[in-house]
Amino acid sequence: MFTVVWGWNMLNVSRLLKSGGLRPKLLAAVFAGVCAIGLFYYFNRFVQYQAPSFLTFSELKQLSKNPRPNFFLKRKLEQFWRTPLISNQAYYAGVKPYRPRDPQLGPSLRLVSWNIEKSIQMKDTITAFSSGDRFRSLMDPQKAYEGSARYKTVLR
């Protein structure tokens, strides 16, 4: 079906060109525009999911014994460090981003980071990020009692 339509359109275009009814510059501009739109769409698509090949437990054990791995493990390790983990699955599922707006700062983005290797307080960390009530339960009432300026600052 597509080839028939394409062939029919090209046949009509060539007839118009021969008859002088369609200017070649206009045709070239339209064709270039269609190609540009197609290329723009192709190169601006989001990667849905990309992840490196993770090392197996036996490979990790081998690496802990020998910090200078053999060729294959070295190659896999280099690929692991150079391949970013990308997930746009939420975008493709139609989830809209949460964009908080602070009255004093305006649009903002909240970021959290910690050194997971030294996470001695992992239980409390999970509790703090679970819900607002659980976060408030971790606060020391002697240092920041409910209703105080310090309490409000911590919760802000």
N, C-alpha and C. Protein backbone atom coordinates (compact mmCIF):
# COMPACT_ATOMS: atom_id res chain seq x y z
N MET A 1 0.83 -1.20 0.00
CA MET A 1 0.00 0.00 0.00
C MET A 1 0.87 1.25 0.00
N PHE A 2 1.90 1.27 0.90
CA PHE A 2 2.76 2.44 1.01
C PHE A 2 3.53 2.67 -0.28
N THR A 3 4.06 1.61 -0.88
CA THR A 3 4.85 1.78 -2.10
C THR A 3 3.99 2.26 -3.25
N VAL A 4 2.74 1.81 -3.29
CA VAL A 4 1.84 2.25 -4.35
C VAL A 4 1.57 3.75 -4.20
N VAL A 5 1.28 4.19 -2.98
CA VAL A 5 1.00 5.61 -2.73
C VAL A 5 2.25 6.42 -3.01
N TRP A 6 3.41 5.95 -2.54
CA TRP A 6 4.66 6.67 -2.76
C TRP A 6 4.95 6.77 -4.25
N GLY A 7 4.80 5.65 -4.97
CA GLY A 7 5.04 5.66 -6.42
C GLY A 7 4.07 6.59 -7.14
N TRP A 8 2.82 6.60 -6.73
CA TRP A 8 1.83 7.46 -7.36
C TRP A 8 2.18 8.92 -7.13
N ASN A 9 2.58 9.27 -5.87
CA ASN A 9 2.96 10.65 -5.56
C ASN A 9 4.18 11.08 -6.35
N MET A 10 5.18 10.23 -6.44
CA MET A 10 6.39 10.59 -7.19
C MET A 10 6.07 10.73 -8.67
N LEU A 11 5.16 9.92 -9.17
CA LEU A 11 4.76 10.02 -10.58
C LEU A 11 4.08 11.36 -10.83
N ASN A 12 3.18 11.77 -9.93
CA ASN A 12 2.52 13.06 -10.08
C ASN A 12 3.50 14.22 -9.97
N VAL A 13 4.46 14.12 -9.05
CA VAL A 13 5.45 15.18 -8.88
C VAL A 13 6.29 15.31 -10.14
N SER A 14 6.72 14.17 -10.68
CA SER A 14 7.54 14.24 -11.90
C SER A 14 6.74 14.82 -13.06
N ARG A 15 5.46 14.51 -13.18
CA ARG A 15 4.62 15.09 -14.23
C ARG A 15 4.50 16.61 -14.06
N LEU A 16 4.31 17.04 -12.78
CA LEU A 16 4.20 18.47 -12.53
C LEU A 16 5.50 19.19 -12.84
N LEU A 17 6.63 18.54 -12.53
CA LEU A 17 7.92 19.15 -12.83
C LEU A 17 8.13 19.32 -14.33
N LYS A 18 7.78 18.29 -15.09
CA LYS A 18 7.95 18.34 -16.54
C LYS A 18 7.03 19.38 -17.17
N SER A 19 5.85 19.51 -16.61
CA SER A 19 4.90 20.47 -17.19
C SER A 19 5.19 21.90 -16.74
N GLY A 20 6.07 22.07 -15.75
CA GLY A 20 6.40 23.41 -15.27
C GLY A 20 5.39 23.94 -14.27
N GLY A 21 4.44 23.11 -13.83
CA GLY A 21 3.41 23.55 -12.90
C GLY A 21 3.89 23.63 -11.45
N LEU A 22 5.00 23.00 -11.14
CA LEU A 22 5.52 23.00 -9.77
C LEU A 22 6.99 23.39 -9.82
N ARG A 23 7.34 24.39 -9.11
CA ARG A 23 8.72 24.85 -9.16
C ARG A 23 9.65 23.89 -8.42
N PRO A 24 10.78 23.58 -9.00
CA PRO A 24 11.71 22.64 -8.36
C PRO A 24 12.23 23.11 -7.00
N LYS A 25 12.41 24.41 -6.82
CA LYS A 25 12.91 24.91 -5.52
C LYS A 25 11.88 24.67 -4.43
N LEU A 26 10.61 24.85 -4.74
CA LEU A 26 9.55 24.61 -3.76
C LEU A 26 9.50 23.14 -3.40
N LEU A 27 9.61 22.29 -4.41
CA LEU A 27 9.61 20.85 -4.17
C LEU A 27 10.80 20.45 -3.29
N ALA A 28 11.96 21.00 -3.59
CA ALA A 28 13.15 20.69 -2.80
C ALA A 28 12.98 21.16 -1.36
N ALA A 29 12.38 22.33 -1.18
CA ALA A 29 12.16 22.86 0.17
C ALA A 29 11.20 21.98 0.96
N VAL A 30 10.13 21.55 0.32
CA VAL A 30 9.16 20.67 0.99
C VAL A 30 9.81 19.34 1.35
N PHE A 31 10.55 18.78 0.40
CA PHE A 31 11.23 17.50 0.64
C PHE A 31 12.24 17.64 1.79
N ALA A 32 13.01 18.74 1.78
CA ALA A 32 14.00 18.97 2.85
C ALA A 32 13.30 19.14 4.20
N GLY A 33 12.16 19.83 4.21
CA GLY A 33 11.41 20.01 5.44
C GLY A 33 10.91 18.69 6.00
N VAL A 34 10.39 17.85 5.13
CA VAL A 34 9.90 16.54 5.57
C VAL A 34 11.06 15.71 6.12
N CYS A 35 12.20 15.74 5.44
CA CYS A 35 13.37 15.00 5.92
C CYS A 35 13.84 15.55 7.27
N ALA A 36 13.87 16.87 7.40
CA ALA A 36 14.32 17.49 8.65
C ALA A 36 13.40 17.11 9.81
N ILE A 37 12.10 17.11 9.58
CA ILE A 37 11.15 16.73 10.63
C ILE A 37 11.37 15.27 11.02
N GLY A 38 11.56 14.42 10.01
CA GLY A 38 11.81 13.00 10.29
C GLY A 38 13.09 12.79 11.09
N LEU A 39 14.16 13.48 10.71
CA LEU A 39 15.41 13.36 11.45
C LEU A 39 15.29 13.94 12.85
N PHE A 40 14.60 15.05 13.00
CA PHE A 40 14.40 15.65 14.31
C PHE A 40 13.68 14.68 15.23
N TYR A 41 12.63 14.05 14.72
CA TYR A 41 11.88 13.08 15.52
C TYR A 41 12.77 11.90 15.88
N TYR A 42 13.54 11.40 14.90
CA TYR A 42 14.37 10.22 15.13
C TYR A 42 15.43 10.48 16.20
N PHE A 43 16.11 11.63 16.16
CA PHE A 43 17.20 11.90 17.08
C PHE A 43 16.75 12.46 18.41
N ASN A 44 15.51 12.85 18.56
CA ASN A 44 15.03 13.41 19.82
C ASN A 44 14.12 12.46 20.59
N ARG A 45 14.15 11.21 20.25
CA ARG A 45 13.40 10.24 21.04
C ARG A 45 14.17 9.93 22.31
N PHE A 46 13.47 9.61 23.38
CA PHE A 46 14.13 9.26 24.63
C PHE A 46 14.45 7.78 24.65
N VAL A 47 15.57 7.45 25.25
CA VAL A 47 15.90 6.06 25.50
C VAL A 47 14.94 5.59 26.58
N GLN A 48 14.28 4.47 26.37
CA GLN A 48 13.33 4.01 27.39
C GLN A 48 14.07 3.42 28.59
N TYR A 49 15.04 2.54 28.34
CA TYR A 49 15.81 1.97 29.44
C TYR A 49 17.17 1.54 28.91
N GLN A 50 18.20 1.90 29.66
CA GLN A 50 19.55 1.50 29.30
C GLN A 50 20.31 1.22 30.57
N ALA A 51 20.98 0.09 30.63
CA ALA A 51 21.77 -0.26 31.81
C ALA A 51 23.01 -1.04 31.37
N PRO A 52 24.08 -0.90 32.12
CA PRO A 52 25.27 -1.68 31.78
C PRO A 52 25.07 -3.13 32.18
N SER A 53 25.96 -3.97 31.71
CA SER A 53 25.94 -5.37 32.10
C SER A 53 26.60 -5.45 33.48
N PHE A 54 25.84 -5.84 34.49
CA PHE A 54 26.35 -5.88 35.84
C PHE A 54 27.26 -7.09 36.05
N LEU A 55 28.21 -6.96 36.96
CA LEU A 55 29.13 -8.05 37.25
C LEU A 55 28.44 -9.10 38.11
N THR A 56 28.75 -10.34 37.85
CA THR A 56 28.18 -11.43 38.65
C THR A 56 28.93 -11.53 39.97
N PHE A 57 28.39 -12.32 40.88
CA PHE A 57 29.03 -12.49 42.19
C PHE A 57 30.41 -13.11 42.03
N SER A 58 30.54 -14.10 41.17
CA SER A 58 31.85 -14.74 40.97
C SER A 58 32.85 -13.76 40.36
N GLU A 59 32.40 -12.89 39.47
CA GLU A 59 33.29 -11.88 38.90
C GLU A 59 33.73 -10.88 39.96
N LEU A 60 32.83 -10.51 40.86
CA LEU A 60 33.18 -9.61 41.96
C LEU A 60 34.20 -10.25 42.90
N LYS A 61 34.02 -11.55 43.18
CA LYS A 61 34.98 -12.26 44.01
C LYS A 61 36.34 -12.30 43.33
N GLN A 62 36.35 -12.58 42.04
CA GLN A 62 37.59 -12.62 41.27
C GLN A 62 38.28 -11.25 41.29
N LEU A 63 37.50 -10.20 41.17
CA LEU A 63 38.03 -8.84 41.18
C LEU A 63 38.60 -8.46 42.55
N SER A 64 37.96 -8.97 43.62
CA SER A 64 38.47 -8.67 44.97
C SER A 64 39.80 -9.37 45.22
N LYS A 65 40.02 -10.52 44.60
CA LYS A 65 41.28 -11.24 44.76
C LYS A 65 42.38 -10.67 43.87
N ASN A 66 41.99 -10.20 42.69
CA ASN A 66 42.97 -9.69 41.73
C ASN A 66 42.50 -8.33 41.21
N PRO A 67 43.08 -7.23 41.70
CA PRO A 67 42.64 -5.91 41.25
C PRO A 67 42.98 -5.61 39.79
N ARG A 68 43.82 -6.44 39.18
CA ARG A 68 44.14 -6.30 37.75
C ARG A 68 43.53 -7.50 37.01
N PRO A 69 42.28 -7.38 36.62
CA PRO A 69 41.57 -8.53 36.04
C PRO A 69 42.07 -8.89 34.64
N ASN A 70 41.66 -10.07 34.20
CA ASN A 70 42.03 -10.51 32.85
C ASN A 70 41.30 -9.66 31.81
N PHE A 71 41.58 -9.90 30.55
CA PHE A 71 41.08 -9.07 29.46
C PHE A 71 39.55 -8.96 29.45
N PHE A 72 38.87 -10.10 29.57
CA PHE A 72 37.41 -10.09 29.45
C PHE A 72 36.74 -9.38 30.62
N LEU A 73 37.21 -9.65 31.82
CA LEU A 73 36.63 -8.99 32.99
C LEU A 73 36.98 -7.50 33.00
N LYS A 74 38.20 -7.17 32.56
CA LYS A 74 38.60 -5.77 32.48
C LYS A 74 37.70 -5.02 31.50
N ARG A 75 37.42 -5.63 30.36
CA ARG A 75 36.56 -5.02 29.35
C ARG A 75 35.14 -4.83 29.89
N LYS A 76 34.62 -5.83 30.58
CA LYS A 76 33.27 -5.74 31.14
C LYS A 76 33.21 -4.65 32.22
N LEU A 77 34.25 -4.56 33.03
CA LEU A 77 34.31 -3.56 34.08
C LEU A 77 34.38 -2.15 33.49
N GLU A 78 35.19 -1.96 32.45
CA GLU A 78 35.27 -0.65 31.79
C GLU A 78 33.92 -0.26 31.18
N GLN A 79 33.25 -1.23 30.56
CA GLN A 79 31.93 -0.97 29.99
C GLN A 79 30.93 -0.62 31.08
N PHE A 80 31.03 -1.29 32.23
CA PHE A 80 30.15 -1.00 33.36
C PHE A 80 30.30 0.44 33.81
N TRP A 81 31.54 0.92 33.94
CA TRP A 81 31.77 2.27 34.43
C TRP A 81 31.44 3.33 33.40
N ARG A 82 31.45 2.99 32.13
CA ARG A 82 31.20 3.99 31.07
C ARG A 82 29.77 4.02 30.56
N THR A 83 28.95 3.05 30.94
CA THR A 83 27.57 3.01 30.47
C THR A 83 26.65 3.58 31.53
N PRO A 84 25.97 4.67 31.23
CA PRO A 84 25.07 5.25 32.24
C PRO A 84 23.79 4.43 32.38
N LEU A 85 23.23 4.45 33.56
CA LEU A 85 21.94 3.81 33.82
C LEU A 85 20.87 4.87 33.55
N ILE A 86 20.06 4.63 32.53
CA ILE A 86 19.03 5.60 32.12
C ILE A 86 17.68 4.90 32.12
N SER A 87 16.71 5.54 32.75
CA SER A 87 15.35 5.02 32.73
C SER A 87 14.38 6.16 32.49
N ASN A 88 13.70 6.11 31.37
CA ASN A 88 12.63 7.06 31.06
C ASN A 88 11.29 6.33 31.05
N GLN A 89 11.21 5.25 31.80
CA GLN A 89 9.99 4.45 31.83
C GLN A 89 8.82 5.24 32.40
N ALA A 90 9.07 6.11 33.36
CA ALA A 90 7.99 6.93 33.91
C ALA A 90 7.43 7.87 32.84
N TYR A 91 8.31 8.45 32.04
CA TYR A 91 7.88 9.34 30.95
C TYR A 91 6.97 8.59 29.97
N TYR A 92 7.39 7.40 29.58
CA TYR A 92 6.59 6.62 28.64
C TYR A 92 5.30 6.10 29.26
N ALA A 93 5.25 6.02 30.59
CA ALA A 93 4.02 5.61 31.28
C ALA A 93 3.08 6.79 31.48
N GLY A 94 3.53 8.00 31.09
CA GLY A 94 2.67 9.18 31.18
C GLY A 94 2.74 9.90 32.52
N VAL A 95 3.71 9.56 33.36
CA VAL A 95 3.83 10.21 34.66
C VAL A 95 4.39 11.62 34.46
N LYS A 96 3.76 12.58 35.08
CA LYS A 96 4.20 13.98 34.99
C LYS A 96 5.14 14.27 36.15
N PRO A 97 6.19 15.06 35.92
CA PRO A 97 7.13 15.36 37.00
C PRO A 97 6.51 16.25 38.07
N TYR A 98 6.97 16.05 39.29
CA TYR A 98 6.54 16.89 40.40
C TYR A 98 7.47 18.10 40.42
N ARG A 99 6.92 19.28 40.29
CA ARG A 99 7.72 20.51 40.25
C ARG A 99 7.29 21.42 41.39
N PRO A 100 7.93 21.24 42.57
CA PRO A 100 7.53 22.06 43.72
C PRO A 100 7.88 23.52 43.51
N ARG A 101 7.09 24.37 44.11
CA ARG A 101 7.32 25.82 44.03
C ARG A 101 7.32 26.37 45.45
N ASP A 102 8.47 26.88 45.85
CA ASP A 102 8.62 27.47 47.18
C ASP A 102 8.24 28.94 47.09
N PRO A 103 7.46 29.46 48.07
CA PRO A 103 7.05 30.86 48.01
C PRO A 103 8.23 31.84 48.02
N GLN A 104 9.32 31.47 48.67
CA GLN A 104 10.47 32.37 48.74
C GLN A 104 11.46 32.13 47.60
N LEU A 105 11.68 30.88 47.23
CA LEU A 105 12.68 30.55 46.22
C LEU A 105 12.13 30.45 44.80
N GLY A 106 10.85 30.17 44.69
CA GLY A 106 10.26 29.94 43.38
C GLY A 106 10.37 28.46 43.02
N PRO A 107 10.45 28.15 41.72
CA PRO A 107 10.57 26.74 41.32
C PRO A 107 11.85 26.13 41.89
N SER A 108 11.74 24.92 42.41
CA SER A 108 12.91 24.29 43.02
C SER A 108 12.94 22.80 42.72
N LEU A 109 14.08 22.22 43.00
CA LEU A 109 14.30 20.80 42.81
C LEU A 109 14.95 20.27 44.08
N ARG A 110 14.38 19.25 44.68
CA ARG A 110 14.93 18.69 45.91
C ARG A 110 15.87 17.54 45.55
N LEU A 111 17.05 17.57 46.13
CA LEU A 111 18.04 16.53 45.91
C LEU A 111 18.49 15.97 47.25
N VAL A 112 18.75 14.67 47.27
CA VAL A 112 19.24 14.01 48.48
C VAL A 112 20.39 13.11 48.08
N SER A 113 21.43 13.11 48.88
CA SER A 113 22.58 12.27 48.61
C SER A 113 23.20 11.83 49.92
N TRP A 114 23.71 10.62 49.97
CA TRP A 114 24.45 10.18 51.14
C TRP A 114 25.41 9.08 50.72
N ASN A 115 26.41 8.87 51.54
CA ASN A 115 27.40 7.83 51.30
C ASN A 115 26.83 6.52 51.81
N ILE A 116 26.33 5.71 50.90
CA ILE A 116 25.63 4.49 51.29
C ILE A 116 26.57 3.46 51.93
N GLU A 117 27.87 3.58 51.64
CA GLU A 117 28.84 2.65 52.21
C GLU A 117 28.88 2.77 53.74
N LYS A 118 28.72 3.97 54.24
CA LYS A 118 28.78 4.22 55.68
C LYS A 118 27.39 4.38 56.30
N SER A 119 26.39 3.77 55.75
CA SER A 119 25.01 3.94 56.21
C SER A 119 24.74 3.11 57.46
N ILE A 120 25.28 3.57 58.56
CA ILE A 120 25.06 2.88 59.83
C ILE A 120 23.62 3.08 60.27
N GLN A 121 23.04 4.23 59.94
CA GLN A 121 21.67 4.58 60.33
C GLN A 121 20.68 4.28 59.20
N MET A 122 20.86 3.20 58.48
CA MET A 122 20.01 2.89 57.34
C MET A 122 18.53 2.77 57.73
N LYS A 123 18.25 2.17 58.88
CA LYS A 123 16.85 2.03 59.32
C LYS A 123 16.19 3.40 59.46
N ASP A 124 16.91 4.33 60.12
CA ASP A 124 16.37 5.68 60.30
C ASP A 124 16.24 6.41 58.97
N THR A 125 17.15 6.17 58.07
CA THR A 125 17.09 6.80 56.74
C THR A 125 15.83 6.35 56.00
N ILE A 126 15.56 5.08 56.04
CA ILE A 126 14.36 4.54 55.39
C ILE A 126 13.11 5.10 56.07
N THR A 127 13.13 5.17 57.38
CA THR A 127 12.01 5.73 58.13
C THR A 127 11.77 7.19 57.75
N ALA A 128 12.87 7.97 57.65
CA ALA A 128 12.75 9.40 57.35
C ALA A 128 12.13 9.64 55.98
N PHE A 129 12.44 8.79 55.01
CA PHE A 129 11.92 8.98 53.66
C PHE A 129 10.59 8.27 53.41
N SER A 130 10.09 7.54 54.40
CA SER A 130 8.84 6.80 54.22
C SER A 130 7.62 7.70 54.25
N SER A 131 7.54 8.58 55.25
CA SER A 131 6.39 9.48 55.35
C SER A 131 6.73 10.64 56.29
N GLY A 132 5.91 11.67 56.22
CA GLY A 132 6.12 12.83 57.07
C GLY A 132 5.98 12.50 58.55
N ASP A 133 4.99 11.67 58.89
CA ASP A 133 4.78 11.31 60.30
C ASP A 133 5.97 10.52 60.84
N ARG A 134 6.48 9.61 60.04
CA ARG A 134 7.64 8.82 60.48
C ARG A 134 8.88 9.71 60.63
N PHE A 135 9.03 10.68 59.73
CA PHE A 135 10.14 11.62 59.84
C PHE A 135 10.06 12.41 61.14
N ARG A 136 8.85 12.89 61.46
CA ARG A 136 8.66 13.66 62.70
C ARG A 136 8.93 12.81 63.94
N SER A 137 8.68 11.49 63.85
CA SER A 137 8.93 10.62 65.01
C SER A 137 10.42 10.51 65.32
N LEU A 138 11.27 10.79 64.37
CA LEU A 138 12.72 10.73 64.60
C LEU A 138 13.29 12.00 65.24
N MET A 139 12.51 13.06 65.25
CA MET A 139 12.99 14.33 65.79
C MET A 139 13.04 14.27 67.31
N ASP A 140 14.08 14.87 67.87
CA ASP A 140 14.26 14.93 69.32
C ASP A 140 13.42 16.08 69.87
N PRO A 141 12.36 15.79 70.67
CA PRO A 141 11.49 16.86 71.17
C PRO A 141 12.19 17.83 72.11
N GLN A 142 13.33 17.44 72.70
CA GLN A 142 14.06 18.35 73.58
C GLN A 142 14.85 19.38 72.77
N LYS A 143 15.27 19.01 71.56
CA LYS A 143 16.04 19.93 70.72
C LYS A 143 15.14 20.76 69.82
N ALA A 144 14.04 20.19 69.38
CA ALA A 144 13.10 20.92 68.52
C ALA A 144 11.69 20.47 68.88
N TYR A 145 11.10 21.16 69.84
CA TYR A 145 9.76 20.77 70.28
C TYR A 145 8.71 21.24 69.26
N GLU A 146 7.59 20.54 69.23
CA GLU A 146 6.53 20.82 68.26
C GLU A 146 6.02 22.25 68.40
N GLY A 147 5.97 22.96 67.28
CA GLY A 147 5.50 24.33 67.27
C GLY A 147 6.62 25.36 67.33
N SER A 148 7.84 24.93 67.68
CA SER A 148 8.96 25.87 67.76
C SER A 148 9.45 26.25 66.36
N ALA A 149 10.22 27.33 66.30
CA ALA A 149 10.77 27.80 65.02
C ALA A 149 11.72 26.75 64.43
N ARG A 150 12.50 26.11 65.29
CA ARG A 150 13.44 25.09 64.84
C ARG A 150 12.68 23.90 64.24
N TYR A 151 11.62 23.50 64.88
CA TYR A 151 10.77 22.39 64.41
C TYR A 151 10.23 22.70 63.01
N LYS A 152 9.72 23.94 62.86
CA LYS A 152 9.17 24.34 61.55
C LYS A 152 10.25 24.41 60.48
N THR A 153 11.46 24.86 60.88
CA THR A 153 12.56 24.94 59.92
C THR A 153 12.95 23.55 59.44
N VAL A 154 13.01 22.59 60.34
CA VAL A 154 13.38 21.21 59.97
C VAL A 154 12.34 20.62 59.02
N LEU A 155 11.10 20.91 59.25
CA LEU A 155 10.03 20.33 58.43
C LEU A 155 9.83 21.08 57.10
N ARG A 156 10.41 22.23 56.96
CA ARG A 156 10.24 23.01 55.75
C ARG A 156 10.90 22.42 54.57
